[in-house]
């Protein structure tokens, strides 16, 4: 049994007004949504990695393909962070 020992689970149950069965029921949809998100992210990255080498060969920059892919990846990360920090209302 990894994670937390029986003593820690007993303490969590002592402070929570609900039992651990409720927490386990709550974790199932959260885990499902995280799995869907990671799967969609992996699919999107696969599409990027499939399209860009072909395009780079056609426009003649196949010797700089690693730099091109890293620039795209960092641009996607920067754009996601900007969107999250600027457009997401954190304090509703």
PDB file of N, CA and C in Angstrom:
ATOM      1  N   UNK A   1       0.848  -1.163   0.000  1.00  0.00           N
ATOM      2  CA  UNK A   1       0.000   0.000   0.000  1.00  0.00           C
ATOM      3  C   UNK A   1       0.899   1.234   0.000  1.00  0.00           C
ATOM      4  N   UNK A   2       0.903   1.998  -1.093  1.00  0.00           N
ATOM      5  CA  UNK A   2       1.762   3.167  -1.172  1.00  0.00           C
ATOM      6  C   UNK A   2       1.008   4.440  -0.839  1.00  0.00           C
ATOM      7  N   UNK A   3       1.727   5.473  -0.654  1.00  0.00           N
ATOM      8  CA  UNK A   3       1.098   6.772  -0.420  1.00  0.00           C
ATOM      9  C   UNK A   3       1.046   7.139   1.037  1.00  0.00           C
ATOM     10  N   UNK A   4       0.002   6.731   1.712  1.00  0.00           N
ATOM     11  CA  UNK A   4      -0.133   7.101   3.124  1.00  0.00           C
ATOM     12  C   UNK A   4      -0.464   5.852   3.941  1.00  0.00           C
ATOM     13  N   UNK A   5      -0.020   5.871   5.155  1.00  0.00           N
ATOM     14  CA  UNK A   5      -0.230   4.711   6.021  1.00  0.00           C
ATOM     15  C   UNK A   5      -1.630   4.755   6.625  1.00  0.00           C
ATOM     16  N   UNK A   6      -1.971   3.714   7.343  1.00  0.00           N
ATOM     17  CA  UNK A   6      -3.287   3.664   7.982  1.00  0.00           C
ATOM     18  C   UNK A   6      -3.456   4.805   8.983  1.00  0.00           C
ATOM     19  N   UNK A   7      -2.390   5.153   9.667  1.00  0.00           N
ATOM     20  CA  UNK A   7      -2.472   6.220  10.656  1.00  0.00           C
ATOM     21  C   UNK A   7      -2.848   7.548   9.996  1.00  0.00           C
ATOM     22  N   UNK A   8      -2.266   7.828   8.843  1.00  0.00           N
ATOM     23  CA  UNK A   8      -2.584   9.075   8.161  1.00  0.00           C
ATOM     24  C   UNK A   8      -4.008   9.065   7.616  1.00  0.00           C
ATOM     25  N   UNK A   9      -4.451   7.931   7.118  1.00  0.00           N
ATOM     26  CA  UNK A   9      -5.828   7.852   6.641  1.00  0.00           C
ATOM     27  C   UNK A   9      -6.806   8.041   7.793  1.00  0.00           C
ATOM     28  N   UNK A  10      -6.478   7.517   8.951  1.00  0.00           N
ATOM     29  CA  UNK A  10      -7.348   7.686  10.102  1.00  0.00           C
ATOM     30  C   UNK A  10      -7.422   9.155  10.483  1.00  0.00           C
ATOM     31  N   UNK A  11      -6.305   9.863  10.435  1.00  0.00           N
ATOM     32  CA  UNK A  11      -6.302  11.284  10.760  1.00  0.00           C
ATOM     33  C   UNK A  11      -7.090  12.087   9.738  1.00  0.00           C
ATOM     34  N   UNK A  12      -6.978  11.751   8.468  1.00  0.00           N
ATOM     35  CA  UNK A  12      -7.758  12.442   7.452  1.00  0.00           C
ATOM     36  C   UNK A  12      -9.242  12.224   7.689  1.00  0.00           C
ATOM     37  N   UNK A  13      -9.609  11.012   8.030  1.00  0.00           N
ATOM     38  CA  UNK A  13     -11.001  10.702   8.303  1.00  0.00           C
ATOM     39  C   UNK A  13     -11.490  11.415   9.561  1.00  0.00           C
ATOM     40  N   UNK A  14     -10.604  11.648  10.502  1.00  0.00           N
ATOM     41  CA  UNK A  14     -10.989  12.316  11.739  1.00  0.00           C
ATOM     42  C   UNK A  14     -11.337  13.784  11.496  1.00  0.00           C
ATOM     43  N   UNK A  15     -10.604  14.458  10.623  1.00  0.00           N
ATOM     44  CA  UNK A  15     -10.826  15.882  10.395  1.00  0.00           C
ATOM     45  C   UNK A  15     -11.893  16.163   9.345  1.00  0.00           C
ATOM     46  N   UNK A  16     -12.144  15.236   8.456  1.00  0.00           N
ATOM     47  CA  UNK A  16     -13.127  15.455   7.402  1.00  0.00           C
ATOM     48  C   UNK A  16     -14.517  15.075   7.907  1.00  0.00           C
ATOM     49  N   UNK A  17     -15.538  15.877   7.588  1.00  0.00           N
ATOM     50  CA  UNK A  17     -16.895  15.542   8.019  1.00  0.00           C
ATOM     51  C   UNK A  17     -17.517  14.405   7.207  1.00  0.00           C
ATOM     52  N   UNK A  18     -16.829  13.946   6.187  1.00  0.00           N
ATOM     53  CA  UNK A  18     -17.324  12.854   5.356  1.00  0.00           C
ATOM     54  C   UNK A  18     -16.270  11.758   5.336  1.00  0.00           C
ATOM     55  N   UNK A  19     -16.655  10.587   4.921  1.00  0.00           N
ATOM     56  CA  UNK A  19     -15.745   9.446   4.927  1.00  0.00           C
ATOM     57  C   UNK A  19     -14.851   9.408   3.701  1.00  0.00           C
ATOM     58  N   UNK A  20     -13.931   8.462   3.706  1.00  0.00           N
ATOM     59  CA  UNK A  20     -13.016   8.314   2.586  1.00  0.00           C
ATOM     60  C   UNK A  20     -13.712   7.781   1.343  1.00  0.00           C
ATOM     61  N   UNK A  21     -14.851   7.125   1.507  1.00  0.00           N
ATOM     62  CA  UNK A  21     -15.585   6.640   0.334  1.00  0.00           C
ATOM     63  C   UNK A  21     -16.020   7.811  -0.535  1.00  0.00           C
ATOM     64  N   UNK A  22     -16.408   8.917   0.087  1.00  0.00           N
ATOM     65  CA  UNK A  22     -16.798  10.105  -0.677  1.00  0.00           C
ATOM     66  C   UNK A  22     -15.612  10.666  -1.455  1.00  0.00           C
ATOM     67  N   UNK A  23     -14.443  10.676  -0.840  1.00  0.00           N
ATOM     68  CA  UNK A  23     -13.252  11.187  -1.510  1.00  0.00           C
ATOM     69  C   UNK A  23     -12.897  10.299  -2.697  1.00  0.00           C
ATOM     70  N   UNK A  24     -13.024   8.989  -2.539  1.00  0.00           N
ATOM     71  CA  UNK A  24     -12.720   8.080  -3.637  1.00  0.00           C
ATOM     72  C   UNK A  24     -13.714   8.252  -4.775  1.00  0.00           C
ATOM     73  N   UNK A  25     -14.966   8.500  -4.473  1.00  0.00           N
ATOM     74  CA  UNK A  25     -15.964   8.747  -5.516  1.00  0.00           C
ATOM     75  C   UNK A  25     -15.652  10.049  -6.237  1.00  0.00           C
ATOM     76  N   UNK A  26     -15.195  11.041  -5.507  1.00  0.00           N
ATOM     77  CA  UNK A  26     -14.861  12.331  -6.098  1.00  0.00           C
ATOM     78  C   UNK A  26     -13.617  12.238  -6.978  1.00  0.00           C
ATOM     79  N   UNK A  27     -12.682  11.373  -6.626  1.00  0.00           N
ATOM     80  CA  UNK A  27     -11.445  11.256  -7.388  1.00  0.00           C
ATOM     81  C   UNK A  27     -11.641  10.585  -8.743  1.00  0.00           C
ATOM     82  N   UNK A  28     -12.658   9.773  -8.905  1.00  0.00           N
ATOM     83  CA  UNK A  28     -12.875   9.079 -10.176  1.00  0.00           C
ATOM     84  C   UNK A  28     -13.117  10.054 -11.331  1.00  0.00           C
ATOM     85  N   UNK A  29     -14.049  11.019 -11.234  1.00  0.00           N
ATOM     86  CA  UNK A  29     -14.217  11.951 -12.353  1.00  0.00           C
ATOM     87  C   UNK A  29     -13.014  12.875 -12.547  1.00  0.00           C
ATOM     88  N   UNK A  30     -12.362  13.245 -11.457  1.00  0.00           N
ATOM     89  CA  UNK A  30     -11.183  14.102 -11.588  1.00  0.00           C
ATOM     90  C   UNK A  30     -10.089  13.361 -12.352  1.00  0.00           C
ATOM     91  N   UNK A  31      -9.864  12.103 -12.020  1.00  0.00           N
ATOM     92  CA  UNK A  31      -8.875  11.303 -12.737  1.00  0.00           C
ATOM     93  C   UNK A  31      -9.250  11.112 -14.196  1.00  0.00           C
ATOM     94  N   UNK A  32     -10.534  10.927 -14.469  1.00  0.00           N
ATOM     95  CA  UNK A  32     -10.995  10.784 -15.846  1.00  0.00           C
ATOM     96  C   UNK A  32     -10.713  12.047 -16.647  1.00  0.00           C
ATOM     97  N   UNK A  33     -11.032  13.206 -16.085  1.00  0.00           N
ATOM     98  CA  UNK A  33     -10.797  14.464 -16.794  1.00  0.00           C
ATOM     99  C   UNK A  33      -9.303  14.722 -17.008  1.00  0.00           C
ATOM    100  N   UNK A  34      -8.483  14.376 -16.018  1.00  0.00           N
ATOM    101  CA  UNK A  34      -7.042  14.528 -16.201  1.00  0.00           C
ATOM    102  C   UNK A  34      -6.534  13.600 -17.304  1.00  0.00           C
ATOM    103  N   UNK A  35      -7.039  12.396 -17.352  1.00  0.00           N
ATOM    104  CA  UNK A  35      -6.635  11.466 -18.402  1.00  0.00           C
ATOM    105  C   UNK A  35      -7.032  11.949 -19.783  1.00  0.00           C
ATOM    106  N   UNK A  36      -8.235  12.501 -19.902  1.00  0.00           N
ATOM    107  CA  UNK A  36      -8.680  13.045 -21.187  1.00  0.00           C
ATOM    108  C   UNK A  36      -7.793  14.214 -21.602  1.00  0.00           C
ATOM    109  N   UNK A  37      -7.465  15.084 -20.647  1.00  0.00           N
ATOM    110  CA  UNK A  37      -6.620  16.238 -20.954  1.00  0.00           C
ATOM    111  C   UNK A  37      -5.241  15.800 -21.434  1.00  0.00           C
ATOM    112  N   UNK A  38      -4.628  14.867 -20.737  1.00  0.00           N
ATOM    113  CA  UNK A  38      -3.295  14.402 -21.123  1.00  0.00           C
ATOM    114  C   UNK A  38      -3.347  13.700 -22.478  1.00  0.00           C
ATOM    115  N   UNK A  39      -4.399  12.942 -22.726  1.00  0.00           N
ATOM    116  CA  UNK A  39      -4.540  12.281 -24.018  1.00  0.00           C
ATOM    117  C   UNK A  39      -4.693  13.267 -25.161  1.00  0.00           C
ATOM    118  N   UNK A  40      -5.495  14.309 -24.952  1.00  0.00           N
ATOM    119  CA  UNK A  40      -5.670  15.324 -25.990  1.00  0.00           C
ATOM    120  C   UNK A  40      -4.373  16.105 -26.213  1.00  0.00           C
ATOM    121  N   UNK A  41      -3.649  16.388 -25.141  1.00  0.00           N
ATOM    122  CA  UNK A  41      -2.367  17.076 -25.270  1.00  0.00           C
ATOM    123  C   UNK A  41      -1.374  16.225 -26.050  1.00  0.00           C
ATOM    124  N   UNK A  42      -1.331  14.947 -25.768  1.00  0.00           N
ATOM    125  CA  UNK A  42      -0.428  14.050 -26.494  1.00  0.00           C
ATOM    126  C   UNK A  42      -0.814  13.968 -27.971  1.00  0.00           C
ATOM    127  N   UNK A  43      -2.112  13.933 -28.263  1.00  0.00           N
ATOM    128  CA  UNK A  43      -2.560  13.891 -29.657  1.00  0.00           C
ATOM    129  C   UNK A  43      -2.185  15.174 -30.389  1.00  0.00           C
ATOM    130  N   UNK A  44      -2.331  16.313 -29.724  1.00  0.00           N
ATOM    131  CA  UNK A  44      -1.972  17.587 -30.347  1.00  0.00           C
ATOM    132  C   UNK A  44      -0.472  17.659 -30.622  1.00  0.00           C
ATOM    133  N   UNK A  45       0.331  17.211 -29.669  1.00  0.00           N
ATOM    134  CA  UNK A  45       1.777  17.221 -29.884  1.00  0.00           C
ATOM    135  C   UNK A  45       2.181  16.257 -30.996  1.00  0.00           C
ATOM    136  N   UNK A  46       1.490  15.148 -31.115  1.00  0.00           N
ATOM    137  CA  UNK A  46       1.775  14.206 -32.193  1.00  0.00           C
ATOM    138  C   UNK A  46       1.491  14.831 -33.546  1.00  0.00           C
ATOM    139  N   UNK A  47       0.388  15.565 -33.650  1.00  0.00           N
ATOM    140  CA  UNK A  47       0.060  16.235 -34.907  1.00  0.00           C
ATOM    141  C   UNK A  47       1.122  17.265 -35.269  1.00  0.00           C
ATOM    142  N   UNK A  48       1.571  18.023 -34.281  1.00  0.00           N
ATOM    143  CA  UNK A  48       2.613  19.017 -34.543  1.00  0.00           C
ATOM    144  C   UNK A  48       3.885  18.330 -35.017  1.00  0.00           C
ATOM    145  N   UNK A  49       4.250  17.244 -34.359  1.00  0.00           N
ATOM    146  CA  UNK A  49       5.480  16.553 -34.731  1.00  0.00           C
ATOM    147  C   UNK A  49       5.371  15.852 -36.078  1.00  0.00           C
ATOM    148  N   UNK A  50       4.175  15.529 -36.529  1.00  0.00           N
ATOM    149  CA  UNK A  50       4.007  14.890 -37.835  1.00  0.00           C
ATOM    150  C   UNK A  50       4.011  15.896 -38.977  1.00  0.00           C
ATOM    151  N   UNK A  51       3.467  17.087 -38.763  1.00  0.00           N
ATOM    152  CA  UNK A  51       3.288  18.055 -39.842  1.00  0.00           C
ATOM    153  C   UNK A  51       4.546  18.879 -40.090  1.00  0.00           C
ATOM    154  N   UNK A  52       5.204  19.320 -39.047  1.00  0.00           N
ATOM    155  CA  UNK A  52       6.295  20.286 -39.212  1.00  0.00           C
ATOM    156  C   UNK A  52       7.519  19.748 -39.945  1.00  0.00           C
ATOM    157  N   UNK A  53       7.952  18.522 -39.764  1.00  0.00           N
ATOM    158  CA  UNK A  53       9.106  18.058 -40.558  1.00  0.00           C
ATOM    159  C   UNK A  53       8.830  18.053 -42.062  1.00  0.00           C
ATOM    160  N   UNK A  54       7.628  17.703 -42.459  1.00  0.00           N
ATOM    161  CA  UNK A  54       7.276  17.711 -43.880  1.00  0.00           C
ATOM    162  C   UNK A  54       7.291  19.133 -44.413  1.00  0.00           C
ATOM    163  N   UNK A  55       6.708  20.051 -43.663  1.00  0.00           N
ATOM    164  CA  UNK A  55       6.692  21.454 -44.077  1.00  0.00           C
ATOM    165  C   UNK A  55       8.109  22.031 -44.116  1.00  0.00           C
ATOM    166  N   UNK A  56       8.941  21.670 -43.154  1.00  0.00           N
ATOM    167  CA  UNK A  56      10.318  22.179 -43.122  1.00  0.00           C
ATOM    168  C   UNK A  56      11.109  21.704 -44.338  1.00  0.00           C
ATOM    169  N   UNK A  57      10.899  20.469 -44.770  1.00  0.00           N
ATOM    170  CA  UNK A  57      11.592  19.982 -45.964  1.00  0.00           C
ATOM    171  C   UNK A  57      11.124  20.725 -47.202  1.00  0.00           C
ATOM    172  N   UNK A  58       9.842  21.043 -47.265  1.00  0.00           N
ATOM    173  CA  UNK A  58       9.315  21.733 -48.443  1.00  0.00           C
ATOM    174  C   UNK A  58       9.799  23.173 -48.537  1.00  0.00           C
ATOM    175  N   UNK A  59       9.972  23.837 -47.392  1.00  0.00           N
ATOM    176  CA  UNK A  59      10.434  25.227 -47.456  1.00  0.00           C
ATOM    177  C   UNK A  59      11.950  25.327 -47.345  1.00  0.00           C
ATOM    178  N   UNK A  60      12.629  24.200 -47.161  1.00  0.00           N
ATOM    179  CA  UNK A  60      14.082  24.161 -47.231  1.00  0.00           C
ATOM    180  C   UNK A  60      14.824  24.489 -45.951  1.00  0.00           C
ATOM    181  N   UNK A  61      14.232  24.243 -44.802  1.00  0.00           N
ATOM    182  CA  UNK A  61      14.924  24.494 -43.533  1.00  0.00           C
ATOM    183  C   UNK A  61      15.067  23.200 -42.729  1.00  0.00           C
ATOM    184  N   UNK A  62      15.277  22.078 -43.422  1.00  0.00           N
ATOM    185  CA  UNK A  62      15.343  20.799 -42.715  1.00  0.00           C
ATOM    186  C   UNK A  62      16.583  20.666 -41.841  1.00  0.00           C
ATOM    187  N   UNK A  63      17.608  21.492 -42.032  1.00  0.00           N
ATOM    188  CA  UNK A  63      18.771  21.428 -41.142  1.00  0.00           C
ATOM    189  C   UNK A  63      18.504  22.141 -39.818  1.00  0.00           C
ATOM    190  N   UNK A  64      17.470  22.956 -39.736  1.00  0.00           N
ATOM    191  CA  UNK A  64      17.123  23.690 -38.507  1.00  0.00           C
ATOM    192  C   UNK A  64      15.818  23.179 -37.887  1.00  0.00           C
ATOM    193  N   UNK A  65      15.469  21.924 -38.135  1.00  0.00           N
ATOM    194  CA  UNK A  65      14.179  21.392 -37.690  1.00  0.00           C
ATOM    195  C   UNK A  65      14.060  21.348 -36.168  1.00  0.00           C
ATOM    196  N   UNK A  66      15.141  21.066 -35.454  1.00  0.00           N
ATOM    197  CA  UNK A  66      15.083  21.002 -33.990  1.00  0.00           C
ATOM    198  C   UNK A  66      14.789  22.384 -33.417  1.00  0.00           C
ATOM    199  N   UNK A  67      15.443  23.402 -33.955  1.00  0.00           N
ATOM    200  CA  UNK A  67      15.200  24.772 -33.491  1.00  0.00           C
ATOM    201  C   UNK A  67      13.761  25.175 -33.786  1.00  0.00           C
ATOM    202  N   UNK A  68      13.267  24.813 -34.959  1.00  0.00           N
ATOM    203  CA  UNK A  68      11.891  25.140 -35.330  1.00  0.00           C
ATOM    204  C   UNK A  68      10.887  24.474 -34.390  1.00  0.00           C
ATOM    205  N   UNK A  69      11.077  23.190 -34.092  1.00  0.00           N
ATOM    206  CA  UNK A  69      10.155  22.486 -33.198  1.00  0.00           C
ATOM    207  C   UNK A  69      10.222  23.027 -31.770  1.00  0.00           C
ATOM    208  N   UNK A  70      11.410  23.381 -31.295  1.00  0.00           N
ATOM    209  CA  UNK A  70      11.528  23.953 -29.950  1.00  0.00           C
ATOM    210  C   UNK A  70      10.865  25.323 -29.884  1.00  0.00           C
ATOM    211  N   UNK A  71      11.013  26.127 -30.931  1.00  0.00           N
ATOM    212  CA  UNK A  71      10.360  27.436 -30.959  1.00  0.00           C
ATOM    213  C   UNK A  71       8.845  27.282 -30.932  1.00  0.00           C
ATOM    214  N   UNK A  72       8.322  26.310 -31.649  1.00  0.00           N
ATOM    215  CA  UNK A  72       6.879  26.067 -31.642  1.00  0.00           C
ATOM    216  C   UNK A  72       6.421  25.611 -30.264  1.00  0.00           C
ATOM    217  N   UNK A  73       7.159  24.697 -29.658  1.00  0.00           N
ATOM    218  CA  UNK A  73       6.773  24.194 -28.334  1.00  0.00           C
ATOM    219  C   UNK A  73       6.807  25.303 -27.292  1.00  0.00           C
ATOM    220  N   UNK A  74       7.873  26.114 -27.279  1.00  0.00           N
ATOM    221  CA  UNK A  74       7.951  27.216 -26.314  1.00  0.00           C
ATOM    222  C   UNK A  74       6.882  28.263 -26.588  1.00  0.00           C
ATOM    223  N   UNK A  75       6.558  28.487 -27.850  1.00  0.00           N
ATOM    224  CA  UNK A  75       5.487  29.425 -28.189  1.00  0.00           C
ATOM    225  C   UNK A  75       4.133  28.945 -27.690  1.00  0.00           C
ATOM    226  N   UNK A  76       3.882  27.651 -27.804  1.00  0.00           N
ATOM    227  CA  UNK A  76       2.620  27.106 -27.291  1.00  0.00           C
ATOM    228  C   UNK A  76       2.551  27.223 -25.772  1.00  0.00           C
ATOM    229  N   UNK A  77       3.651  26.955 -25.090  1.00  0.00           N
ATOM    230  CA  UNK A  77       3.677  27.084 -23.629  1.00  0.00           C
ATOM    231  C   UNK A  77       3.473  28.535 -23.224  1.00  0.00           C
ATOM    232  N   UNK A  78       4.174  29.458 -23.885  1.00  0.00           N
ATOM    233  CA  UNK A  78       4.039  30.878 -23.553  1.00  0.00           C
ATOM    234  C   UNK A  78       2.619  31.369 -23.828  1.00  0.00           C
ATOM    235  N   UNK A  79       2.037  30.948 -24.934  1.00  0.00           N
ATOM    236  CA  UNK A  79       0.665  31.342 -25.242  1.00  0.00           C
ATOM    237  C   UNK A  79      -0.334  30.795 -24.240  1.00  0.00           C
ATOM    238  N   UNK A  80      -0.145  29.557 -23.811  1.00  0.00           N
ATOM    239  CA  UNK A  80      -1.037  28.974 -22.808  1.00  0.00           C
ATOM    240  C   UNK A  80      -0.917  29.690 -21.474  1.00  0.00           C
ATOM    241  N   UNK A  81       0.310  29.995 -21.060  1.00  0.00           N
ATOM    242  CA  UNK A  81       0.501  30.725 -19.805  1.00  0.00           C
ATOM    243  C   UNK A  81      -0.093  32.124 -19.877  1.00  0.00           C
ATOM    244  N   UNK A  82       0.102  32.813 -21.006  1.00  0.00           N
ATOM    245  CA  UNK A  82      -0.475  34.142 -21.171  1.00  0.00           C
ATOM    246  C   UNK A  82      -1.997  34.085 -21.089  1.00  0.00           C
ATOM    247  N   UNK A  83      -2.588  33.120 -21.776  1.00  0.00           N
ATOM    248  CA  UNK A  83      -4.043  32.978 -21.740  1.00  0.00           C
ATOM    249  C   UNK A  83      -4.519  32.706 -20.329  1.00  0.00           C
ATOM    250  N   UNK A  84      -3.843  31.809 -19.618  1.00  0.00           N
ATOM    251  CA  UNK A  84      -4.260  31.457 -18.264  1.00  0.00           C
ATOM    252  C   UNK A  84      -4.099  32.629 -17.317  1.00  0.00           C
ATOM    253  N   UNK A  85      -2.997  33.355 -17.411  1.00  0.00           N
ATOM    254  CA  UNK A  85      -2.750  34.462 -16.487  1.00  0.00           C
ATOM    255  C   UNK A  85      -3.586  35.694 -16.812  1.00  0.00           C
ATOM    256  N   UNK A  86      -3.873  35.932 -18.088  1.00  0.00           N
ATOM    257  CA  UNK A  86      -4.547  37.164 -18.485  1.00  0.00           C
ATOM    258  C   UNK A  86      -6.059  37.009 -18.594  1.00  0.00           C
ATOM    259  N   UNK A  87      -6.530  35.919 -19.159  1.00  0.00           N
ATOM    260  CA  UNK A  87      -7.953  35.785 -19.451  1.00  0.00           C
ATOM    261  C   UNK A  87      -8.745  34.980 -18.432  1.00  0.00           C
ATOM    262  N   UNK A  88      -8.109  34.109 -17.676  1.00  0.00           N
ATOM    263  CA  UNK A  88      -8.834  33.289 -16.711  1.00  0.00           C
ATOM    264  C   UNK A  88      -9.072  34.110 -15.455  1.00  0.00           C
ATOM    265  N   UNK A  89     -10.336  34.188 -15.046  1.00  0.00           N
ATOM    266  CA  UNK A  89     -10.690  34.944 -13.846  1.00  0.00           C
ATOM    267  C   UNK A  89     -10.453  34.045 -12.638  1.00  0.00           C
ATOM    268  N   UNK A  90      -9.386  34.319 -11.909  1.00  0.00           N
ATOM    269  CA  UNK A  90      -8.990  33.462 -10.795  1.00  0.00           C
ATOM    270  C   UNK A  90      -9.802  33.718  -9.532  1.00  0.00           C
ATOM    271  N   UNK A  91     -10.348  34.903  -9.387  1.00  0.00           N
ATOM    272  CA  UNK A  91     -11.030  35.270  -8.144  1.00  0.00           C
ATOM    273  C   UNK A  91     -12.494  35.567  -8.436  1.00  0.00           C
ATOM    274  N   UNK A  92     -13.292  34.547  -8.605  1.00  0.00           N
ATOM    275  CA  UNK A  92     -14.729  34.759  -8.867  1.00  0.00           C
ATOM    276  C   UNK A  92     -15.472  34.935  -7.594  1.00  0.00           C
TER     277      UNK A  92
END
